[in-house]
Amino acid sequence: MNIVQDGGVRVNRVVTSKEELIKAAREIVFEEGAEKLNIRYLAKKCGIATGSVYNYFPSKSELIFAVVEEFWKSVFHQDVCKIQGDISFVEFFETIYVRLCANLQDFRSIFMSQFEAMKSSEKEKGRLVEQKYLQHVKNGFLMALGQDKKISNAVWTDTFTKEKFVAFLFTNMFSMLTDEERDCSYFKEVLNRILYVS
């Protein structure tokens, strides 16, 4: 991580940016566990003074949140709103659901113990970070609805709007994820019956 070869001699590479610190912190979390991550250990791993880390992250909680945000960004942020080819909304939903299934398990096992130890004000900040990325996913669903030409405009009414439909989808999707339901075929059938009226 912070060691480079220089003529056969191992030397520390100075970490100079917030992004590099987050990358190093993420490696600690995924290779050694979230409980190993703290300001002092990150500084040691990167070969820099502890104060240099505090310049970017004033507390361990801030550091954890940065790694969590990077985690969600890597899962969704770059491509969730980019729909490849002529994919249907239901196929798009399945792609997102499968991705969430795979990554939520990692998220729970790696980060949940750290969140439980946080103060309530810090937990609230964690929820805000999560909400930011979930909103991004909701926006992706809305975009997918708009791009699926097989969904008739007649499906939508003043009360049955795309926004309310996505909220309904999220509620049920997260209920399934909480129950660790990996098979979303029944819910796909529900979506097909609602969206693709003959």
Foldseek 3Di string as FASTA:
>chain_A
DQWDADPNDTDGHADDDPVVLLVLQLCCCVVPANVPDFLVVSCVVRVHDSVVSCVPPVGSLSSLLSNVLVLLCVLDVPPLQPDPDQDALLRSVLVNLLSCLVVVVVCCVGPVVVLVPDDPVSVVVSVVSVVVSVVVNLVSSLSNVVRNPQFDPVLDDPVRHSSVVSVVVVVVSVVCSVVSPNDCVVVSVVCCPSGRDD
